[in-house]
Amino acid sequence: MTCDRLVCANCAGPVSEGRCPVCRANRARLERENPWSNISPAALIALLAALLAVVLVVEHATA
């Protein structure tokens, strides 16, 4: 779960902005529980494309 869409019950602001201590604590807790939640979808796609490129290069080199 990411904190992009979560709304704080204390200040009614987005948790991702960290407006109050409750927001900051929940954001820190979410980041501790799932460090992969900070990766954007674009970065994930780029990582998969790079992995695919490496696999193709290795396969081409062995053929």
PDB file of N, CA and C in Angstrom:
ATOM      1  N   MET A   1       0.840  -1.170   0.000  1.00  0.00           N
ATOM      2  CA  MET A   1       0.000   0.000   0.000  1.00  0.00           C
ATOM      3  C   MET A   1       0.891   1.242   0.000  1.00  0.00           C
ATOM      4  N   THR A   2       0.483   2.230  -0.754  1.00  0.00           N
ATOM      5  CA  THR A   2       1.206   3.495  -0.761  1.00  0.00           C
ATOM      6  C   THR A   2       0.385   4.543  -0.026  1.00  0.00           C
ATOM      7  N   CYS A   3       1.055   5.602   0.382  1.00  0.00           N
ATOM      8  CA  CYS A   3       0.349   6.646   1.117  1.00  0.00           C
ATOM      9  C   CYS A   3      -0.118   7.773   0.202  1.00  0.00           C
ATOM     10  N   ASP A   4      -0.082   7.558  -1.110  1.00  0.00           N
ATOM     11  CA  ASP A   4      -0.490   8.598  -2.055  1.00  0.00           C
ATOM     12  C   ASP A   4      -1.960   8.972  -1.914  1.00  0.00           C
ATOM     13  N   ARG A   5      -2.793   8.013  -1.664  1.00  0.00           N
ATOM     14  CA  ARG A   5      -4.231   8.266  -1.626  1.00  0.00           C
ATOM     15  C   ARG A   5      -4.826   8.258  -0.221  1.00  0.00           C
ATOM     16  N   LEU A   6      -3.984   8.050   0.781  1.00  0.00           N
ATOM     17  CA  LEU A   6      -4.490   8.022   2.150  1.00  0.00           C
ATOM     18  C   LEU A   6      -4.715   9.431   2.667  1.00  0.00           C
ATOM     19  N   VAL A   7      -5.821   9.609   3.407  1.00  0.00           N
ATOM     20  CA  VAL A   7      -6.144  10.899   4.013  1.00  0.00           C
ATOM     21  C   VAL A   7      -6.033  10.750   5.520  1.00  0.00           C
ATOM     22  N   CYS A   8      -5.360  11.697   6.142  1.00  0.00           N
ATOM     23  CA  CYS A   8      -5.143  11.663   7.589  1.00  0.00           C
ATOM     24  C   CYS A   8      -6.428  12.010   8.325  1.00  0.00           C
ATOM     25  N   ALA A   9      -6.751  11.244   9.347  1.00  0.00           N
ATOM     26  CA  ALA A   9      -7.936  11.528  10.154  1.00  0.00           C
ATOM     27  C   ALA A   9      -7.687  12.691  11.101  1.00  0.00           C
ATOM     28  N   ASN A  10      -6.437  13.025  11.337  1.00  0.00           N
ATOM     29  CA  ASN A  10      -6.102  14.107  12.265  1.00  0.00           C
ATOM     30  C   ASN A  10      -6.207  15.482  11.599  1.00  0.00           C
ATOM     31  N   CYS A  11      -5.601  15.649  10.425  1.00  0.00           N
ATOM     32  CA  CYS A  11      -5.572  16.968   9.782  1.00  0.00           C
ATOM     33  C   CYS A  11      -6.349  17.011   8.471  1.00  0.00           C
ATOM     34  N   ALA A  12      -6.890  15.891   8.012  1.00  0.00           N
ATOM     35  CA  ALA A  12      -7.662  15.772   6.774  1.00  0.00           C
ATOM     36  C   ALA A  12      -6.825  16.085   5.535  1.00  0.00           C
ATOM     37  N   GLY A  13      -5.519  16.029   5.657  1.00  0.00           N
ATOM     38  CA  GLY A  13      -4.636  16.229   4.510  1.00  0.00           C
ATOM     39  C   GLY A  13      -4.101  14.905   4.018  1.00  0.00           C
ATOM     40  N   PRO A  14      -3.515  14.911   2.830  1.00  0.00           N
ATOM     41  CA  PRO A  14      -2.904  13.676   2.313  1.00  0.00           C
ATOM     42  C   PRO A  14      -1.738  13.236   3.199  1.00  0.00           C
ATOM     43  N   VAL A  15      -1.670  11.974   3.495  1.00  0.00           N
ATOM     44  CA  VAL A  15      -0.600  11.438   4.338  1.00  0.00           C
ATOM     45  C   VAL A  15       0.752  11.628   3.659  1.00  0.00           C
ATOM     46  N   SER A  16       0.774  11.598   2.332  1.00  0.00           N
ATOM     47  CA  SER A  16       2.035  11.742   1.612  1.00  0.00           C
ATOM     48  C   SER A  16       2.676  13.113   1.819  1.00  0.00           C
ATOM     49  N   GLU A  17       1.878  14.124   2.153  1.00  0.00           N
ATOM     50  CA  GLU A  17       2.435  15.463   2.401  1.00  0.00           C
ATOM     51  C   GLU A  17       3.037  15.590   3.797  1.00  0.00           C
ATOM     52  N   GLY A  18       2.582  14.796   4.745  1.00  0.00           N
ATOM     53  CA  GLY A  18       3.132  14.829   6.102  1.00  0.00           C
ATOM     54  C   GLY A  18       2.904  16.143   6.816  1.00  0.00           C
ATOM     55  N   ARG A  19       1.685  16.640   6.806  1.00  0.00           N
ATOM     56  CA  ARG A  19       1.366  17.937   7.405  1.00  0.00           C
ATOM     57  C   ARG A  19       1.442  17.940   8.932  1.00  0.00           C
ATOM     58  N   CYS A  20       1.090  16.831   9.544  1.00  0.00           N
ATOM     59  CA  CYS A  20       1.066  16.788  11.012  1.00  0.00           C
ATOM     60  C   CYS A  20       1.899  15.597  11.501  1.00  0.00           C
ATOM     61  N   PRO A  21       2.144  15.514  12.818  1.00  0.00           N
ATOM     62  CA  PRO A  21       2.929  14.386  13.348  1.00  0.00           C
ATOM     63  C   PRO A  21       2.300  13.022  13.067  1.00  0.00           C
ATOM     64  N   VAL A  22       0.973  12.960  13.050  1.00  0.00           N
ATOM     65  CA  VAL A  22       0.300  11.687  12.776  1.00  0.00           C
ATOM     66  C   VAL A  22       0.582  11.247  11.338  1.00  0.00           C
ATOM     67  N   CYS A  23       0.501  12.201  10.392  1.00  0.00           N
ATOM     68  CA  CYS A  23       0.814  11.892   8.984  1.00  0.00           C
ATOM     69  C   CYS A  23       2.242  11.389   8.850  1.00  0.00           C
ATOM     70  N   ARG A  24       3.167  12.102   9.458  1.00  0.00           N
ATOM     71  CA  ARG A  24       4.575  11.733   9.327  1.00  0.00           C
ATOM     72  C   ARG A  24       4.845  10.364   9.942  1.00  0.00           C
ATOM     73  N   ALA A  25       4.206  10.066  11.055  1.00  0.00           N
ATOM     74  CA  ALA A  25       4.396   8.766  11.701  1.00  0.00           C
ATOM     75  C   ALA A  25       3.838   7.641  10.833  1.00  0.00           C
ATOM     76  N   ASN A  26       2.659   7.850  10.267  1.00  0.00           N
ATOM     77  CA  ASN A  26       2.071   6.809   9.420  1.00  0.00           C
ATOM     78  C   ASN A  26       2.857   6.617   8.135  1.00  0.00           C
ATOM     79  N   ARG A  27       3.347   7.708   7.559  1.00  0.00           N
ATOM     80  CA  ARG A  27       4.154   7.600   6.351  1.00  0.00           C
ATOM     81  C   ARG A  27       5.443   6.832   6.650  1.00  0.00           C
ATOM     82  N   ALA A  28       6.070   7.126   7.786  1.00  0.00           N
ATOM     83  CA  ALA A  28       7.297   6.415   8.166  1.00  0.00           C
ATOM     84  C   ALA A  28       7.020   4.936   8.414  1.00  0.00           C
ATOM     85  N   ARG A  29       5.892   4.634   9.035  1.00  0.00           N
ATOM     86  CA  ARG A  29       5.534   3.241   9.294  1.00  0.00           C
ATOM     87  C   ARG A  29       5.313   2.494   7.988  1.00  0.00           C
ATOM     88  N   LEU A  30       4.609   3.110   7.038  1.00  0.00           N
ATOM     89  CA  LEU A  30       4.375   2.459   5.749  1.00  0.00           C
ATOM     90  C   LEU A  30       5.681   2.232   4.998  1.00  0.00           C
ATOM     91  N   GLU A  31       6.601   3.179   5.080  1.00  0.00           N
ATOM     92  CA  GLU A  31       7.882   3.026   4.398  1.00  0.00           C
ATOM     93  C   GLU A  31       8.727   1.930   5.036  1.00  0.00           C
ATOM     94  N   ARG A  32       8.639   1.779   6.352  1.00  0.00           N
ATOM     95  CA  ARG A  32       9.370   0.699   7.032  1.00  0.00           C
ATOM     96  C   ARG A  32       8.803  -0.659   6.649  1.00  0.00           C
ATOM     97  N   GLU A  33       7.469  -0.756   6.574  1.00  0.00           N
ATOM     98  CA  GLU A  33       6.842  -2.041   6.289  1.00  0.00           C
ATOM     99  C   GLU A  33       7.065  -2.481   4.842  1.00  0.00           C
ATOM    100  N   ASN A  34       7.070  -1.540   3.909  1.00  0.00           N
ATOM    101  CA  ASN A  34       7.195  -1.897   2.505  1.00  0.00           C
ATOM    102  C   ASN A  34       8.097  -0.896   1.789  1.00  0.00           C
ATOM    103  N   PRO A  35       9.394  -1.151   1.751  1.00  0.00           N
ATOM    104  CA  PRO A  35      10.295  -0.209   1.088  1.00  0.00           C
ATOM    105  C   PRO A  35      10.063  -0.117  -0.421  1.00  0.00           C
ATOM    106  N   TRP A  36       9.428  -1.100  -1.032  1.00  0.00           N
ATOM    107  CA  TRP A  36       9.154  -1.072  -2.464  1.00  0.00           C
ATOM    108  C   TRP A  36       8.004  -0.143  -2.810  1.00  0.00           C
ATOM    109  N   SER A  37       7.280   0.360  -1.815  1.00  0.00           N
ATOM    110  CA  SER A  37       6.140   1.233  -2.099  1.00  0.00           C
ATOM    111  C   SER A  37       6.566   2.587  -2.646  1.00  0.00           C
ATOM    112  N   ASN A  38       7.842   2.949  -2.514  1.00  0.00           N
ATOM    113  CA  ASN A  38       8.312   4.239  -3.005  1.00  0.00           C
ATOM    114  C   ASN A  38       8.660   4.225  -4.482  1.00  0.00           C
ATOM    115  N   ILE A  39       8.665   3.058  -5.097  1.00  0.00           N
ATOM    116  CA  ILE A  39       9.029   2.966  -6.505  1.00  0.00           C
ATOM    117  C   ILE A  39       7.820   3.333  -7.356  1.00  0.00           C
ATOM    118  N   SER A  40       8.021   4.253  -8.272  1.00  0.00           N
ATOM    119  CA  SER A  40       6.933   4.673  -9.158  1.00  0.00           C
ATOM    120  C   SER A  40       6.706   3.610 -10.229  1.00  0.00           C
ATOM    121  N   PRO A  41       5.527   3.589 -10.818  1.00  0.00           N
ATOM    122  CA  PRO A  41       5.275   2.623 -11.896  1.00  0.00           C
ATOM    123  C   PRO A  41       6.226   2.808 -13.075  1.00  0.00           C
ATOM    124  N   ALA A  42       6.594   4.051 -13.381  1.00  0.00           N
ATOM    125  CA  ALA A  42       7.520   4.288 -14.492  1.00  0.00           C
ATOM    126  C   ALA A  42       8.895   3.688 -14.190  1.00  0.00           C
ATOM    127  N   ALA A  43       9.345   3.820 -12.953  1.00  0.00           N
ATOM    128  CA  ALA A  43      10.626   3.241 -12.574  1.00  0.00           C
ATOM    129  C   ALA A  43      10.573   1.717 -12.619  1.00  0.00           C
ATOM    130  N   LEU A  44       9.456   1.159 -12.234  1.00  0.00           N
ATOM    131  CA  LEU A  44       9.296  -0.292 -12.281  1.00  0.00           C
ATOM    132  C   LEU A  44       9.329  -0.800 -13.723  1.00  0.00           C
ATOM    133  N   ILE A  45       8.669  -0.084 -14.630  1.00  0.00           N
ATOM    134  CA  ILE A  45       8.689  -0.468 -16.043  1.00  0.00           C
ATOM    135  C   ILE A  45      10.101  -0.356 -16.604  1.00  0.00           C
ATOM    136  N   ALA A  46      10.816   0.707 -16.238  1.00  0.00           N
ATOM    137  CA  ALA A  46      12.195   0.874 -16.703  1.00  0.00           C
ATOM    138  C   ALA A  46      13.083  -0.252 -16.177  1.00  0.00           C
ATOM    139  N   LEU A  47      12.885  -0.642 -14.938  1.00  0.00           N
ATOM    140  CA  LEU A  47      13.660  -1.736 -14.358  1.00  0.00           C
ATOM    141  C   LEU A  47      13.385  -3.048 -15.088  1.00  0.00           C
ATOM    142  N   LEU A  48      12.127  -3.306 -15.391  1.00  0.00           N
ATOM    143  CA  LEU A  48      11.792  -4.528 -16.127  1.00  0.00           C
ATOM    144  C   LEU A  48      12.350  -4.497 -17.547  1.00  0.00           C
ATOM    145  N   ALA A  49      12.333  -3.336 -18.199  1.00  0.00           N
ATOM    146  CA  ALA A  49      12.896  -3.221 -19.542  1.00  0.00           C
ATOM    147  C   ALA A  49      14.403  -3.460 -19.510  1.00  0.00           C
ATOM    148  N   ALA A  50      15.078  -2.926 -18.506  1.00  0.00           N
ATOM    149  CA  ALA A  50      16.522  -3.140 -18.376  1.00  0.00           C
ATOM    150  C   ALA A  50      16.824  -4.620 -18.135  1.00  0.00           C
ATOM    151  N   LEU A  51      16.039  -5.255 -17.306  1.00  0.00           N
ATOM    152  CA  LEU A  51      16.227  -6.686 -17.052  1.00  0.00           C
ATOM    153  C   LEU A  51      16.019  -7.496 -18.328  1.00  0.00           C
ATOM    154  N   LEU A  52      15.007  -7.147 -19.096  1.00  0.00           N
ATOM    155  CA  LEU A  52      14.756  -7.838 -20.352  1.00  0.00           C
ATOM    156  C   LEU A  52      15.913  -7.630 -21.325  1.00  0.00           C
ATOM    157  N   ALA A  53      16.455  -6.420 -21.374  1.00  0.00           N
ATOM    158  CA  ALA A  53      17.588  -6.136 -22.250  1.00  0.00           C
ATOM    159  C   ALA A  53      18.797  -6.974 -21.857  1.00  0.00           C
ATOM    160  N   VAL A  54      19.062  -7.095 -20.585  1.00  0.00           N
ATOM    161  CA  VAL A  54      20.187  -7.904 -20.108  1.00  0.00           C
ATOM    162  C   VAL A  54      19.995  -9.363 -20.493  1.00  0.00           C
ATOM    163  N   VAL A  55      18.807  -9.855 -20.300  1.00  0.00           N
ATOM    164  CA  VAL A  55      18.513 -11.246 -20.648  1.00  0.00           C
ATOM    165  C   VAL A  55      18.721 -11.471 -22.150  1.00  0.00           C
ATOM    166  N   LEU A  56      18.266 -10.534 -22.973  1.00  0.00           N
ATOM    167  CA  LEU A  56      18.422 -10.679 -24.419  1.00  0.00           C
ATOM    168  C   LEU A  56      19.897 -10.632 -24.829  1.00  0.00           C
ATOM    169  N   VAL A  57      20.679  -9.754 -24.214  1.00  0.00           N
ATOM    170  CA  VAL A  57      22.105  -9.658 -24.525  1.00  0.00           C
ATOM    171  C   VAL A  57      22.828 -10.938 -24.131  1.00  0.00           C
ATOM    172  N   VAL A  58      22.514 -11.461 -22.968  1.00  0.00           N
ATOM    173  CA  VAL A  58      23.166 -12.696 -22.510  1.00  0.00           C
ATOM    174  C   VAL A  58      22.772 -13.855 -23.414  1.00  0.00           C
ATOM    175  N   GLU A  59      21.505 -13.917 -23.808  1.00  0.00           N
ATOM    176  CA  GLU A  59      21.072 -14.994 -24.670  1.00  0.00           C
ATOM    177  C   GLU A  59      21.713 -14.873 -26.051  1.00  0.00           C
ATOM    178  N   HIS A  60      21.851 -13.675 -26.547  1.00  0.00           N
ATOM    179  CA  HIS A  60      22.485 -13.469 -27.858  1.00  0.00           C
ATOM    180  C   HIS A  60      23.980 -13.822 -27.811  1.00  0.00           C
ATOM    181  N   ALA A  61      24.619 -13.521 -26.680  1.00  0.00           N
ATOM    182  CA  ALA A  61      26.049 -13.802 -26.546  1.00  0.00           C
ATOM    183  C   ALA A  61      26.318 -15.303 -26.472  1.00  0.00           C
ATOM    184  N   THR A  62      25.399 -16.054 -25.927  1.00  0.00           N
ATOM    185  CA  THR A  62      25.624 -17.500 -25.782  1.00  0.00           C
ATOM    186  C   THR A  62      25.215 -18.263 -27.026  1.00  0.00           C
ATOM    187  N   ALA A  63      24.457 -17.646 -27.898  1.00  0.00           N
ATOM    188  CA  ALA A  63      23.972 -18.345 -29.111  1.00  0.00           C
ATOM    189  C   ALA A  63      24.976 -18.342 -30.233  1.00  0.00           C
TER     190      ALA A  63
END
